[in-house]
Amino acid sequence: MKKVLVIGCPGSGKSTFSRILRDNTHLPLYYLDQIWHNPDKTHVTEEEFQSRLDEILGKDEWIIDGNYASSLEKRLAYCDTVFYFCLSPAECLEGVRKRLGTWHEDLPWFEDKEDPEFIEYVRTFHETRIPKMEQLLENAKQVNIIRFRSREEENDYIENNLRRLL
């Protein structure tokens, strides 16, 4: 496990898991939100994003946290492992709401209030985004895919697989 993607609905626990994975494996961690967004909530150009992503993909080791459908197929071609968070919409919405008012290293700004547009994105993520992700994962035969369907499955994986790396 040297080139890892962590994907799934916002609020599912991807970034928390990514930090635990980084701390236990010592692989460098890159957040797609940090690569795409500026601190003022604008974003870089698509060309700049792809250039930054290509630089990361060219490295020998990494964890990349985030979905960004436009680049998922490319990232799947480079990775050896995917951690895929398949939690329910209700669990993801709860996760988004629980992190409001706390600083997160995965975002280039402080999120202190609910964004209705983002809440709608999370609410509809399973209908609008999951089918394409599933299709791309189905085609990624060379990749080890680990699915978490609950926070308990994630916690069990951490306890049984990651903690022993310390």
N, C-alpha and C. Protein backbone atom coordinates (compact mmCIF):
# COMPACT_ATOMS: atom_id res chain seq x y z
N MET A 1 0.86 -1.18 0.00
CA MET A 1 0.00 0.00 0.00
C MET A 1 0.90 1.23 0.00
N LYS A 2 1.06 1.81 -1.20
CA LYS A 2 1.92 2.99 -1.35
C LYS A 2 1.21 4.16 -2.00
N LYS A 3 0.17 3.86 -2.81
CA LYS A 3 -0.58 4.90 -3.51
C LYS A 3 -2.05 4.66 -3.25
N VAL A 4 -2.63 5.52 -2.41
CA VAL A 4 -3.94 5.25 -1.82
C VAL A 4 -4.92 6.37 -2.13
N LEU A 5 -6.13 5.99 -2.52
CA LEU A 5 -7.24 6.94 -2.65
C LEU A 5 -8.21 6.70 -1.52
N VAL A 6 -8.75 7.79 -0.97
CA VAL A 6 -9.82 7.72 0.03
C VAL A 6 -10.98 8.51 -0.55
N ILE A 7 -12.07 7.79 -0.87
CA ILE A 7 -13.20 8.41 -1.55
C ILE A 7 -14.50 8.08 -0.84
N GLY A 8 -15.56 8.82 -1.17
CA GLY A 8 -16.87 8.61 -0.59
C GLY A 8 -17.55 9.95 -0.37
N CYS A 9 -18.76 9.90 0.09
CA CYS A 9 -19.57 11.09 0.30
C CYS A 9 -18.93 12.01 1.34
N PRO A 10 -19.03 13.34 1.14
CA PRO A 10 -18.59 14.25 2.20
C PRO A 10 -19.32 13.93 3.50
N GLY A 11 -18.62 14.05 4.60
CA GLY A 11 -19.20 13.77 5.91
C GLY A 11 -19.12 12.31 6.31
N SER A 12 -18.59 11.45 5.43
CA SER A 12 -18.53 10.02 5.74
C SER A 12 -17.35 9.65 6.62
N GLY A 13 -16.38 10.54 6.77
CA GLY A 13 -15.23 10.25 7.60
C GLY A 13 -13.94 10.07 6.83
N LYS A 14 -13.94 10.43 5.55
CA LYS A 14 -12.76 10.25 4.70
C LYS A 14 -11.53 10.95 5.27
N SER A 15 -11.67 12.22 5.60
CA SER A 15 -10.50 13.00 6.02
C SER A 15 -9.97 12.55 7.37
N THR A 16 -10.85 12.21 8.28
CA THR A 16 -10.40 11.69 9.58
C THR A 16 -9.64 10.39 9.37
N PHE A 17 -10.19 9.50 8.56
CA PHE A 17 -9.52 8.25 8.26
C PHE A 17 -8.19 8.50 7.56
N SER A 18 -8.17 9.44 6.63
CA SER A 18 -6.93 9.75 5.89
C SER A 18 -5.82 10.18 6.84
N ARG A 19 -6.18 10.99 7.83
CA ARG A 19 -5.17 11.43 8.81
C ARG A 19 -4.66 10.24 9.65
N ILE A 20 -5.55 9.36 10.05
CA ILE A 20 -5.15 8.17 10.81
C ILE A 20 -4.24 7.30 9.94
N LEU A 21 -4.62 7.13 8.68
CA LEU A 21 -3.82 6.34 7.74
C LEU A 21 -2.43 6.97 7.58
N ARG A 22 -2.39 8.28 7.39
CA ARG A 22 -1.10 8.99 7.27
C ARG A 22 -0.24 8.79 8.51
N ASP A 23 -0.85 8.96 9.66
CA ASP A 23 -0.09 8.88 10.91
C ASP A 23 0.44 7.48 11.19
N ASN A 24 -0.24 6.47 10.66
CA ASN A 24 0.19 5.09 10.88
C ASN A 24 1.11 4.55 9.79
N THR A 25 0.99 5.07 8.57
CA THR A 25 1.82 4.57 7.47
C THR A 25 2.96 5.51 7.11
N HIS A 26 2.83 6.77 7.53
CA HIS A 26 3.80 7.83 7.21
C HIS A 26 3.84 8.16 5.73
N LEU A 27 2.77 7.80 5.01
CA LEU A 27 2.63 8.22 3.61
C LEU A 27 2.21 9.68 3.59
N PRO A 28 2.69 10.46 2.62
CA PRO A 28 2.24 11.86 2.53
C PRO A 28 0.77 11.94 2.13
N LEU A 29 0.05 12.88 2.75
CA LEU A 29 -1.38 13.04 2.53
C LEU A 29 -1.66 14.33 1.77
N TYR A 30 -2.47 14.20 0.73
CA TYR A 30 -2.89 15.34 -0.08
C TYR A 30 -4.41 15.38 -0.11
N TYR A 31 -4.96 16.55 0.16
CA TYR A 31 -6.41 16.76 0.11
C TYR A 31 -6.77 17.45 -1.20
N LEU A 32 -7.66 16.86 -1.98
CA LEU A 32 -8.07 17.49 -3.22
C LEU A 32 -8.73 18.85 -2.98
N ASP A 33 -9.45 18.99 -1.86
CA ASP A 33 -10.05 20.30 -1.55
C ASP A 33 -8.97 21.38 -1.39
N GLN A 34 -7.83 21.03 -0.82
CA GLN A 34 -6.74 21.99 -0.66
C GLN A 34 -6.10 22.33 -2.00
N ILE A 35 -6.11 21.38 -2.92
CA ILE A 35 -5.50 21.59 -4.23
C ILE A 35 -6.43 22.44 -5.12
N TRP A 36 -7.72 22.24 -5.03
CA TRP A 36 -8.70 22.90 -5.88
C TRP A 36 -9.11 24.28 -5.37
N HIS A 37 -9.31 24.41 -4.07
CA HIS A 37 -9.86 25.64 -3.49
C HIS A 37 -8.78 26.59 -3.01
N ASN A 38 -9.11 27.87 -3.06
CA ASN A 38 -8.32 28.92 -2.42
C ASN A 38 -8.98 29.26 -1.09
N PRO A 39 -8.24 29.91 -0.17
CA PRO A 39 -8.82 30.26 1.13
C PRO A 39 -10.08 31.14 1.05
N ASP A 40 -10.24 31.90 -0.04
CA ASP A 40 -11.42 32.77 -0.18
C ASP A 40 -12.61 32.05 -0.84
N LYS A 41 -12.55 30.73 -0.91
CA LYS A 41 -13.60 29.86 -1.46
C LYS A 41 -13.72 29.95 -2.98
N THR A 42 -12.79 30.60 -3.63
CA THR A 42 -12.70 30.50 -5.09
C THR A 42 -11.88 29.24 -5.38
N HIS A 43 -11.64 28.98 -6.64
CA HIS A 43 -10.83 27.80 -6.96
C HIS A 43 -9.84 28.12 -8.06
N VAL A 44 -8.85 27.27 -8.18
CA VAL A 44 -7.84 27.42 -9.23
C VAL A 44 -8.46 26.99 -10.56
N THR A 45 -7.74 27.22 -11.63
CA THR A 45 -8.23 26.77 -12.93
C THR A 45 -8.13 25.25 -13.02
N GLU A 46 -8.87 24.68 -13.93
CA GLU A 46 -8.80 23.23 -14.15
C GLU A 46 -7.38 22.82 -14.55
N GLU A 47 -6.72 23.65 -15.34
CA GLU A 47 -5.35 23.35 -15.76
C GLU A 47 -4.40 23.33 -14.58
N GLU A 48 -4.54 24.30 -13.67
CA GLU A 48 -3.70 24.35 -12.47
C GLU A 48 -3.97 23.13 -11.58
N PHE A 49 -5.24 22.79 -11.42
CA PHE A 49 -5.61 21.62 -10.62
C PHE A 49 -4.96 20.36 -11.20
N GLN A 50 -5.11 20.16 -12.50
CA GLN A 50 -4.55 18.96 -13.15
C GLN A 50 -3.02 18.94 -13.04
N SER A 51 -2.40 20.09 -13.16
CA SER A 51 -0.95 20.17 -13.02
C SER A 51 -0.50 19.77 -11.61
N ARG A 52 -1.19 20.29 -10.61
CA ARG A 52 -0.87 19.93 -9.22
C ARG A 52 -1.11 18.44 -8.97
N LEU A 53 -2.22 17.94 -9.50
CA LEU A 53 -2.54 16.52 -9.33
C LEU A 53 -1.50 15.64 -10.02
N ASP A 54 -1.11 16.00 -11.23
CA ASP A 54 -0.10 15.22 -11.96
C ASP A 54 1.22 15.16 -11.19
N GLU A 55 1.57 16.26 -10.54
CA GLU A 55 2.81 16.28 -9.74
C GLU A 55 2.72 15.27 -8.60
N ILE A 56 1.59 15.20 -7.95
CA ILE A 56 1.39 14.24 -6.86
C ILE A 56 1.40 12.81 -7.39
N LEU A 57 0.66 12.57 -8.48
CA LEU A 57 0.57 11.22 -9.04
C LEU A 57 1.94 10.70 -9.48
N GLY A 58 2.85 11.58 -9.80
CA GLY A 58 4.19 11.18 -10.22
C GLY A 58 5.10 10.77 -9.07
N LYS A 59 4.66 11.00 -7.84
CA LYS A 59 5.46 10.62 -6.67
C LYS A 59 5.34 9.12 -6.41
N ASP A 60 6.28 8.59 -5.63
CA ASP A 60 6.31 7.15 -5.32
C ASP A 60 5.27 6.72 -4.29
N GLU A 61 4.88 7.65 -3.42
CA GLU A 61 3.96 7.30 -2.33
C GLU A 61 3.02 8.48 -2.07
N TRP A 62 1.76 8.15 -1.76
CA TRP A 62 0.81 9.19 -1.41
C TRP A 62 -0.52 8.60 -0.95
N ILE A 63 -1.24 9.45 -0.25
CA ILE A 63 -2.66 9.26 0.05
C ILE A 63 -3.34 10.48 -0.54
N ILE A 64 -4.37 10.27 -1.35
CA ILE A 64 -5.14 11.38 -1.90
C ILE A 64 -6.57 11.25 -1.38
N ASP A 65 -7.00 12.26 -0.65
CA ASP A 65 -8.32 12.31 -0.03
C ASP A 65 -9.24 13.19 -0.88
N GLY A 66 -10.34 12.61 -1.35
CA GLY A 66 -11.33 13.40 -2.06
C GLY A 66 -11.89 12.69 -3.27
N ASN A 67 -13.00 13.19 -3.77
CA ASN A 67 -13.71 12.56 -4.87
C ASN A 67 -13.34 13.14 -6.22
N TYR A 68 -13.78 14.35 -6.51
CA TYR A 68 -13.49 15.04 -7.76
C TYR A 68 -13.59 14.09 -8.95
N ALA A 69 -14.82 13.85 -9.35
CA ALA A 69 -15.13 12.88 -10.40
C ALA A 69 -14.33 13.09 -11.67
N SER A 70 -14.02 14.34 -11.99
CA SER A 70 -13.31 14.62 -13.24
C SER A 70 -11.92 13.99 -13.29
N SER A 71 -11.36 13.68 -12.12
CA SER A 71 -10.01 13.09 -12.10
C SER A 71 -9.98 11.70 -11.49
N LEU A 72 -11.12 11.14 -11.13
CA LEU A 72 -11.12 9.85 -10.44
C LEU A 72 -10.56 8.73 -11.32
N GLU A 73 -10.95 8.69 -12.57
CA GLU A 73 -10.45 7.62 -13.44
C GLU A 73 -8.92 7.69 -13.56
N LYS A 74 -8.39 8.88 -13.70
CA LYS A 74 -6.93 9.07 -13.79
C LYS A 74 -6.26 8.61 -12.50
N ARG A 75 -6.81 8.99 -11.36
CA ARG A 75 -6.21 8.60 -10.07
C ARG A 75 -6.27 7.10 -9.86
N LEU A 76 -7.38 6.47 -10.30
CA LEU A 76 -7.49 5.01 -10.18
C LEU A 76 -6.42 4.30 -10.98
N ALA A 77 -6.00 4.87 -12.08
CA ALA A 77 -4.96 4.25 -12.90
C ALA A 77 -3.60 4.24 -12.21
N TYR A 78 -3.40 5.12 -11.24
CA TYR A 78 -2.12 5.22 -10.55
C TYR A 78 -2.10 4.54 -9.18
N CYS A 79 -3.25 4.34 -8.59
CA CYS A 79 -3.27 3.87 -7.19
C CYS A 79 -3.22 2.35 -7.09
N ASP A 80 -2.88 1.88 -5.89
CA ASP A 80 -2.92 0.44 -5.63
C ASP A 80 -4.03 0.07 -4.65
N THR A 81 -4.52 1.06 -3.89
CA THR A 81 -5.52 0.79 -2.87
C THR A 81 -6.54 1.93 -2.84
N VAL A 82 -7.82 1.55 -2.67
CA VAL A 82 -8.89 2.54 -2.48
C VAL A 82 -9.63 2.20 -1.21
N PHE A 83 -9.80 3.19 -0.36
CA PHE A 83 -10.71 3.09 0.78
C PHE A 83 -11.96 3.85 0.37
N TYR A 84 -13.07 3.13 0.29
CA TYR A 84 -14.31 3.67 -0.25
C TYR A 84 -15.35 3.70 0.87
N PHE A 85 -15.78 4.90 1.25
CA PHE A 85 -16.75 5.09 2.32
C PHE A 85 -18.15 5.08 1.74
N CYS A 86 -18.94 4.07 2.12
CA CYS A 86 -20.29 3.85 1.58
C CYS A 86 -21.34 4.02 2.69
N LEU A 87 -21.27 5.11 3.42
CA LEU A 87 -22.22 5.33 4.51
C LEU A 87 -23.52 5.93 3.98
N SER A 88 -24.56 5.84 4.77
CA SER A 88 -25.88 6.35 4.35
C SER A 88 -25.87 7.88 4.27
N PRO A 89 -26.78 8.44 3.48
CA PRO A 89 -26.88 9.90 3.42
C PRO A 89 -27.09 10.54 4.79
N ALA A 90 -27.91 9.92 5.62
CA ALA A 90 -28.16 10.47 6.95
C ALA A 90 -26.88 10.52 7.78
N GLU A 91 -26.07 9.46 7.74
CA GLU A 91 -24.80 9.45 8.48
C GLU A 91 -23.85 10.52 7.95
N CYS A 92 -23.83 10.71 6.64
CA CYS A 92 -22.95 11.71 6.04
C CYS A 92 -23.39 13.11 6.41
N LEU A 93 -24.70 13.38 6.36
CA LEU A 93 -25.20 14.70 6.77
C LEU A 93 -24.88 14.97 8.24
N GLU A 94 -25.01 13.95 9.07
CA GLU A 94 -24.65 14.10 10.48
C GLU A 94 -23.17 14.44 10.61
N GLY A 95 -22.32 13.76 9.82
CA GLY A 95 -20.89 14.03 9.86
C GLY A 95 -20.56 15.45 9.45
N VAL A 96 -21.22 15.95 8.40
CA VAL A 96 -21.00 17.33 7.94
C VAL A 96 -21.40 18.31 9.04
N ARG A 97 -22.52 18.08 9.65
CA ARG A 97 -23.02 19.01 10.68
C ARG A 97 -22.17 18.97 11.95
N LYS A 98 -21.62 17.80 12.27
CA LYS A 98 -20.80 17.68 13.49
C LYS A 98 -19.49 18.44 13.39
N ARG A 99 -18.98 18.61 12.18
CA ARG A 99 -17.68 19.27 12.03
C ARG A 99 -17.77 20.79 11.90
N LEU A 100 -18.99 21.32 11.81
CA LEU A 100 -19.14 22.77 11.74
C LEU A 100 -18.55 23.42 13.00
N GLY A 101 -17.84 24.51 12.81
CA GLY A 101 -17.28 25.24 13.95
C GLY A 101 -15.96 24.70 14.44
N THR A 102 -15.40 23.71 13.76
CA THR A 102 -14.08 23.20 14.13
C THR A 102 -13.16 23.32 12.92
N TRP A 103 -11.90 23.58 13.16
CA TRP A 103 -10.93 23.72 12.09
C TRP A 103 -10.55 22.35 11.57
N HIS A 104 -10.39 22.24 10.25
CA HIS A 104 -9.98 21.00 9.60
C HIS A 104 -8.86 21.27 8.62
N GLU A 105 -7.83 20.48 8.68
CA GLU A 105 -6.69 20.68 7.78
C GLU A 105 -7.01 20.38 6.33
N ASP A 106 -8.13 19.71 6.06
CA ASP A 106 -8.48 19.37 4.68
C ASP A 106 -9.13 20.52 3.92
N LEU A 107 -9.58 21.56 4.62
CA LEU A 107 -10.19 22.72 3.97
C LEU A 107 -9.30 23.95 4.13
N PRO A 108 -9.23 24.79 3.10
CA PRO A 108 -8.40 26.00 3.24
C PRO A 108 -9.15 27.17 3.90
N TRP A 109 -10.30 26.91 4.50
CA TRP A 109 -11.04 27.94 5.23
C TRP A 109 -11.73 27.29 6.42
N PHE A 110 -12.21 28.14 7.31
CA PHE A 110 -12.92 27.69 8.51
C PHE A 110 -14.41 27.68 8.20
N GLU A 111 -15.04 26.55 8.38
CA GLU A 111 -16.47 26.38 8.10
C GLU A 111 -17.23 26.48 9.42
N ASP A 112 -17.97 27.59 9.60
CA ASP A 112 -18.66 27.77 10.87
C ASP A 112 -20.18 27.80 10.76
N LYS A 113 -20.69 27.76 9.52
CA LYS A 113 -22.15 27.71 9.38
C LYS A 113 -22.52 26.80 8.21
N GLU A 114 -23.72 26.29 8.28
CA GLU A 114 -24.21 25.34 7.28
C GLU A 114 -24.43 26.05 5.94
N ASP A 115 -23.94 25.43 4.89
CA ASP A 115 -24.10 25.93 3.53
C ASP A 115 -25.21 25.11 2.87
N PRO A 116 -26.39 25.72 2.61
CA PRO A 116 -27.51 24.95 2.05
C PRO A 116 -27.17 24.24 0.74
N GLU A 117 -26.37 24.86 -0.10
CA GLU A 117 -25.99 24.25 -1.37
C GLU A 117 -25.14 22.98 -1.14
N PHE A 118 -24.22 23.06 -0.17
CA PHE A 118 -23.39 21.90 0.15
C PHE A 118 -24.22 20.80 0.79
N ILE A 119 -25.16 21.16 1.66
CA ILE A 119 -26.04 20.17 2.29
C ILE A 119 -26.84 19.42 1.21
N GLU A 120 -27.31 20.15 0.21
CA GLU A 120 -28.05 19.51 -0.89
C GLU A 120 -27.13 18.59 -1.69
N TYR A 121 -25.90 19.00 -1.90
CA TYR A 121 -24.92 18.16 -2.59
C TYR A 121 -24.73 16.84 -1.83
N VAL A 122 -24.57 16.92 -0.52
CA VAL A 122 -24.38 15.72 0.30
C VAL A 122 -25.65 14.88 0.28
N ARG A 123 -26.80 15.52 0.41
CA ARG A 123 -28.07 14.80 0.44
C ARG A 123 -28.30 14.00 -0.83
N THR A 124 -27.88 14.53 -1.98
CA THR A 124 -28.12 13.87 -3.27
C THR A 124 -26.90 13.11 -3.80
N PHE A 125 -25.82 13.09 -3.04
CA PHE A 125 -24.58 12.48 -3.50
C PHE A 125 -24.77 11.03 -3.94
N HIS A 126 -25.52 10.28 -3.17
CA HIS A 126 -25.71 8.85 -3.47
C HIS A 126 -26.44 8.65 -4.79
N GLU A 127 -27.35 9.54 -5.13
CA GLU A 127 -28.08 9.43 -6.39
C GLU A 127 -27.26 9.94 -7.57
N THR A 128 -26.54 11.03 -7.36
CA THR A 128 -25.89 11.71 -8.48
C THR A 128 -24.44 11.30 -8.70
N ARG A 129 -23.73 10.87 -7.68
CA ARG A 129 -22.29 10.62 -7.80
C ARG A 129 -21.91 9.15 -7.67
N ILE A 130 -22.58 8.44 -6.79
CA ILE A 130 -22.20 7.04 -6.51
C ILE A 130 -22.25 6.14 -7.74
N PRO A 131 -23.26 6.21 -8.59
CA PRO A 131 -23.28 5.30 -9.75
C PRO A 131 -22.02 5.39 -10.61
N LYS A 132 -21.54 6.58 -10.88
CA LYS A 132 -20.32 6.76 -11.69
C LYS A 132 -19.10 6.23 -10.94
N MET A 133 -19.02 6.50 -9.63
CA MET A 133 -17.91 5.99 -8.83
C MET A 133 -17.89 4.47 -8.85
N GLU A 134 -19.05 3.87 -8.68
CA GLU A 134 -19.16 2.41 -8.69
C GLU A 134 -18.70 1.84 -10.03
N GLN A 135 -19.10 2.48 -11.11
CA GLN A 135 -18.70 2.02 -12.44
C GLN A 135 -17.18 2.10 -12.60
N LEU A 136 -16.59 3.20 -12.19
CA LEU A 136 -15.13 3.34 -12.31
C LEU A 136 -14.41 2.32 -11.43
N LEU A 137 -14.92 2.07 -10.24
CA LEU A 137 -14.30 1.08 -9.35
C LEU A 137 -14.42 -0.32 -9.93
N GLU A 138 -15.54 -0.61 -10.54
CA GLU A 138 -15.74 -1.92 -11.17
C GLU A 138 -14.69 -2.18 -12.26
N ASN A 139 -14.31 -1.14 -12.95
CA ASN A 139 -13.33 -1.25 -14.04
C ASN A 139 -11.89 -1.24 -13.55
N ALA A 140 -11.66 -0.91 -12.31
CA ALA A 140 -10.30 -0.81 -11.75
C ALA A 140 -9.89 -2.15 -11.17
N LYS A 141 -9.61 -3.10 -12.03
CA LYS A 141 -9.34 -4.49 -11.62
C LYS A 141 -8.03 -4.64 -10.84
N GLN A 142 -7.06 -3.77 -11.09
CA GLN A 142 -5.74 -3.89 -10.47
C GLN A 142 -5.69 -3.30 -9.06
N VAL A 143 -6.80 -2.73 -8.61
CA VAL A 143 -6.82 -1.97 -7.36
C VAL A 143 -7.47 -2.78 -6.24
N ASN A 144 -6.86 -2.73 -5.05
CA ASN A 144 -7.46 -3.32 -3.86
C ASN A 144 -8.46 -2.32 -3.30
N ILE A 145 -9.74 -2.69 -3.29
CA ILE A 145 -10.80 -1.78 -2.84
C ILE A 145 -11.33 -2.27 -1.50
N ILE A 146 -11.25 -1.39 -0.51
CA ILE A 146 -11.74 -1.69 0.84
C ILE A 146 -12.93 -0.77 1.09
N ARG A 147 -14.10 -1.37 1.31
CA ARG A 147 -15.34 -0.60 1.49
C ARG A 147 -15.71 -0.56 2.97
N PHE A 148 -16.09 0.62 3.39
CA PHE A 148 -16.63 0.79 4.74
C PHE A 148 -18.10 1.17 4.60
N ARG A 149 -18.97 0.30 5.11
CA ARG A 149 -20.41 0.57 5.05
C ARG A 149 -20.94 1.13 6.36
N SER A 150 -20.06 1.25 7.34
CA SER A 150 -20.44 1.82 8.63
C SER A 150 -19.19 2.34 9.32
N ARG A 151 -19.39 3.19 10.29
CA ARG A 151 -18.25 3.70 11.08
C ARG A 151 -17.62 2.56 11.88
N GLU A 152 -18.42 1.57 12.24
CA GLU A 152 -17.90 0.42 12.97
C GLU A 152 -16.91 -0.37 12.11
N GLU A 153 -17.23 -0.57 10.83
CA GLU A 153 -16.31 -1.26 9.93
C GLU A 153 -15.00 -0.49 9.80
N GLU A 154 -15.10 0.82 9.72
CA GLU A 154 -13.90 1.66 9.66
C GLU A 154 -13.07 1.49 10.94
N ASN A 155 -13.72 1.59 12.09
CA ASN A 155 -13.01 1.46 13.37
C ASN A 155 -12.37 0.09 13.51
N ASP A 156 -13.06 -0.96 13.08
CA ASP A 156 -12.49 -2.31 13.13
C ASP A 156 -11.25 -2.40 12.25
N TYR A 157 -11.30 -1.80 11.07
CA TYR A 157 -10.14 -1.82 10.18
C TYR A 157 -8.96 -1.10 10.82
N ILE A 158 -9.23 0.04 11.41
CA ILE A 158 -8.16 0.80 12.07
C ILE A 158 -7.53 -0.03 13.18
N GLU A 159 -8.35 -0.62 14.01
CA GLU A 159 -7.84 -1.41 15.14
C GLU A 159 -7.08 -2.65 14.69
N ASN A 160 -7.60 -3.33 13.68
CA ASN A 160 -7.02 -4.62 13.28
C ASN A 160 -5.92 -4.52 12.23
N ASN A 161 -5.82 -3.40 11.53
CA ASN A 161 -4.86 -3.30 10.45
C ASN A 161 -3.87 -2.16 10.56
N LEU A 162 -4.30 -1.05 11.14
CA LEU A 162 -3.43 0.11 11.17
C LEU A 162 -2.64 0.23 12.47
N ARG A 163 -3.25 0.00 13.57
CA ARG A 163 -2.59 0.19 14.86
C ARG A 163 -1.36 -0.71 15.00
N ARG A 164 -1.37 -1.84 14.32
CA ARG A 164 -0.21 -2.75 14.42
C ARG A 164 1.00 -2.22 13.67
N LEU A 165 0.80 -1.21 12.81
CA LEU A 165 1.92 -0.64 12.06
C LEU A 165 2.78 0.28 12.92
N LEU A 166 2.27 0.68 14.06
CA LEU A 166 3.03 1.61 14.92
C LEU A 166 4.28 0.99 15.49
